[in-house]
C-alpha atoms as a PDB file:
ATOM      1  CA  UNK A   1      59.294 172.534  68.918  1.00  0.00           C
ATOM      2  CA  UNK A   2      61.384 171.264  72.128  1.00  0.00           C
ATOM      3  CA  UNK A   3      62.087 167.411  71.194  1.00  0.00           C
ATOM      4  CA  UNK A   4      62.452 166.845  75.327  1.00  0.00           C
ATOM      5  CA  UNK A   5      59.222 167.652  75.893  1.00  0.00           C
ATOM      6  CA  UNK A   6      57.807 165.873  73.406  1.00  0.00           C
ATOM      7  CA  UNK A   7      59.811 163.172  74.220  1.00  0.00           C
ATOM      8  CA  UNK A   8      58.878 163.019  77.678  1.00  0.00           C
ATOM      9  CA  UNK A   9      55.127 163.481  76.557  1.00  0.00           C
ATOM     10  CA  UNK A  10      55.467 160.060  74.455  1.00  0.00           C
ATOM     11  CA  UNK A  11      57.480 158.475  77.576  1.00  0.00           C
ATOM     12  CA  UNK A  12      54.405 159.170  79.923  1.00  0.00           C
ATOM     13  CA  UNK A  13      51.657 157.936  77.231  1.00  0.00           C
ATOM     14  CA  UNK A  14      53.780 155.015  76.768  1.00  0.00           C
ATOM     15  CA  UNK A  15      53.965 154.190  80.708  1.00  0.00           C
ATOM     16  CA  UNK A  16      50.118 155.197  81.127  1.00  0.00           C
ATOM     17  CA  UNK A  17      49.197 152.620  78.369  1.00  0.00           C
ATOM     18  CA  UNK A  18      51.240 150.072  79.893  1.00  0.00           C
ATOM     19  CA  UNK A  19      50.151 150.156  83.336  1.00  0.00           C
ATOM     20  CA  UNK A  20      46.577 150.630  82.449  1.00  0.00           C
ATOM     21  CA  UNK A  21      46.473 147.912  79.288  1.00  0.00           C
ATOM     22  CA  UNK A  22      48.220 145.724  81.682  1.00  0.00           C
ATOM     23  CA  UNK A  23      45.455 146.209  84.555  1.00  0.00           C
ATOM     24  CA  UNK A  24      42.515 145.761  82.342  1.00  0.00           C
ATOM     25  CA  UNK A  25      44.666 142.258  80.907  1.00  0.00           C
ATOM     26  CA  UNK A  26      45.058 141.167  84.319  1.00  0.00           C
ATOM     27  CA  UNK A  27      41.382 141.579  84.776  1.00  0.00           C
ATOM     28  CA  UNK A  28      40.037 139.708  82.079  1.00  0.00           C
ATOM     29  CA  UNK A  29      42.679 137.070  82.427  1.00  0.00           C
ATOM     30  CA  UNK A  30      40.453 135.177  85.625  1.00  0.00           C
ATOM     31  CA  UNK A  31      37.184 135.641  82.807  1.00  0.00           C
ATOM     32  CA  UNK A  32      39.126 133.862  80.115  1.00  0.00           C
ATOM     33  CA  UNK A  33      40.110 130.886  82.674  1.00  0.00           C
ATOM     34  CA  UNK A  34      36.100 130.256  83.465  1.00  0.00           C
ATOM     35  CA  UNK A  35      35.796 130.454  79.867  1.00  0.00           C
ATOM     36  CA  UNK A  36      38.035 127.976  78.820  1.00  0.00           C
ATOM     37  CA  UNK A  37      36.896 125.711  82.073  1.00  0.00           C
ATOM     38  CA  UNK A  38      40.139 125.834  84.594  1.00  0.00           C
ATOM     39  CA  UNK A  39      39.293 124.616  87.704  1.00  0.00           C
ATOM     40  CA  UNK A  40      39.426 126.857  90.661  1.00  0.00           C
ATOM     41  CA  UNK A  41      38.553 129.923  89.001  1.00  0.00           C
ATOM     42  CA  UNK A  42      35.325 130.449  89.842  1.00  0.00           C
ATOM     43  CA  UNK A  43      34.550 134.647  90.031  1.00  0.00           C
ATOM     44  CA  UNK A  44      31.050 135.933  90.368  1.00  0.00           C
ATOM     45  CA  UNK A  45      30.211 139.515  89.337  1.00  0.00           C
ATOM     46  CA  UNK A  46      31.135 140.923  92.695  1.00  0.00           C
ATOM     47  CA  UNK A  47      34.503 139.680  92.370  1.00  0.00           C
ATOM     48  CA  UNK A  48      34.970 141.283  89.059  1.00  0.00           C
ATOM     49  CA  UNK A  49      33.555 144.700  90.394  1.00  0.00           C
ATOM     50  CA  UNK A  50      35.808 144.675  93.702  1.00  0.00           C
ATOM     51  CA  UNK A  51      39.170 143.486  91.855  1.00  0.00           C
ATOM     52  CA  UNK A  52      38.286 146.139  89.223  1.00  0.00           C
ATOM     53  CA  UNK A  53      37.880 148.589  92.160  1.00  0.00           C
ATOM     54  CA  UNK A  54      41.163 147.511  93.632  1.00  0.00           C
ATOM     55  CA  UNK A  55      43.224 147.433  90.193  1.00  0.00           C
ATOM     56  CA  UNK A  56      41.289 151.208  89.539  1.00  0.00           C
ATOM     57  CA  UNK A  57      42.635 152.631  93.306  1.00  0.00           C
ATOM     58  CA  UNK A  58      46.212 150.906  92.496  1.00  0.00           C
ATOM     59  CA  UNK A  59      46.516 152.434  89.323  1.00  0.00           C
ATOM     60  CA  UNK A  60      45.412 155.975  90.283  1.00  0.00           C
ATOM     61  CA  UNK A  61      48.214 155.655  93.114  1.00  0.00           C
ATOM     62  CA  UNK A  62      50.388 154.744  90.965  1.00  0.00           C
ATOM     63  CA  UNK A  63      49.554 157.353  88.199  1.00  0.00           C
ATOM     64  CA  UNK A  64      49.730 159.917  91.640  1.00  0.00           C
ATOM     65  CA  UNK A  65      53.023 158.809  92.829  1.00  0.00           C
ATOM     66  CA  UNK A  66      53.858 159.457  89.174  1.00  0.00           C
ATOM     67  CA  UNK A  67      53.455 162.799  88.983  1.00  0.00           C
ATOM     68  CA  UNK A  68      53.268 164.113  92.306  1.00  0.00           C
ATOM     69  CA  UNK A  69      56.878 163.184  93.106  1.00  0.00           C
ATOM     70  CA  UNK A  70      59.728 164.275  91.273  1.00  0.00           C
ATOM     71  CA  UNK A  71      62.907 161.873  92.307  1.00  0.00           C
ATOM     72  CA  UNK A  72      62.730 158.392  90.841  1.00  0.00           C
ATOM     73  CA  UNK A  73      64.233 156.746  94.326  1.00  0.00           C
ATOM     74  CA  UNK A  74      60.935 158.496  96.359  1.00  0.00           C
ATOM     75  CA  UNK A  75      58.670 157.609  92.874  1.00  0.00           C
ATOM     76  CA  UNK A  76      60.183 153.502  93.463  1.00  0.00           C
ATOM     77  CA  UNK A  77      59.917 153.736  97.247  1.00  0.00           C
ATOM     78  CA  UNK A  78      56.156 155.094  96.775  1.00  0.00           C
ATOM     79  CA  UNK A  79      54.888 152.584  93.767  1.00  0.00           C
ATOM     80  CA  UNK A  80      56.795 149.496  96.113  1.00  0.00           C
ATOM     81  CA  UNK A  81      54.714 150.780  99.467  1.00  0.00           C
ATOM     82  CA  UNK A  82      51.408 150.898  96.901  1.00  0.00           C
ATOM     83  CA  UNK A  83      52.203 147.589  95.569  1.00  0.00           C
ATOM     84  CA  UNK A  84      52.873 146.062  99.221  1.00  0.00           C
ATOM     85  CA  UNK A  85      49.146 147.757 100.349  1.00  0.00           C
ATOM     86  CA  UNK A  86      47.284 146.680  97.227  1.00  0.00           C
ATOM     87  CA  UNK A  87      48.706 143.232  97.971  1.00  0.00           C
ATOM     88  CA  UNK A  88      48.242 142.718 101.635  1.00  0.00           C
ATOM     89  CA  UNK A  89      44.879 143.918 100.688  1.00  0.00           C
ATOM     90  CA  UNK A  90      44.173 141.247  97.662  1.00  0.00           C
ATOM     91  CA  UNK A  91      45.906 138.242  99.846  1.00  0.00           C
ATOM     92  CA  UNK A  92      43.490 139.376 103.343  1.00  0.00           C
ATOM     93  CA  UNK A  93      40.274 139.503 100.504  1.00  0.00           C
ATOM     94  CA  UNK A  94      40.941 135.963  99.177  1.00  0.00           C
ATOM     95  CA  UNK A  95      42.338 134.192 101.915  1.00  0.00           C
ATOM     96  CA  UNK A  96      41.792 136.070 105.466  1.00  0.00           C
ATOM     97  CA  UNK A  97      45.598 135.980 106.448  1.00  0.00           C
ATOM     98  CA  UNK A  98      44.727 138.818 109.019  1.00  0.00           C
ATOM     99  CA  UNK A  99      41.463 137.333 110.184  1.00  0.00           C
ATOM    100  CA  UNK A 100      38.540 139.484 108.789  1.00  0.00           C
ATOM    101  CA  UNK A 101      35.292 138.199 109.155  1.00  0.00           C
ATOM    102  CA  UNK A 102      34.796 138.850 105.884  1.00  0.00           C
ATOM    103  CA  UNK A 103      37.874 137.063 104.097  1.00  0.00           C
ATOM    104  CA  UNK A 104      37.465 134.286 101.618  1.00  0.00           C
ATOM    105  CA  UNK A 105      33.573 135.292 100.407  1.00  0.00           C
END
């Protein structure tokens, strides 16, 4: 058995668990804050659905970059670009920096 292939598969599994587990934890944090009575955290079901969809797209885009690109520099640039787009959409939905009519709802 080739140990490098086995190690590579294990590494891929570890980062995938960290990626999806981290996104899941981030999605549950507002629910935990609301259950503990934190002020300023008032999410509706639609907020959780929208954020879940955004996190899902973020995770899939990062996975695609990691699988399709072989060079670490290209992977880093692609993941950075994905994170910038994610942050821009998140900020726009939260406070409406760009002035769209559906922001802050």
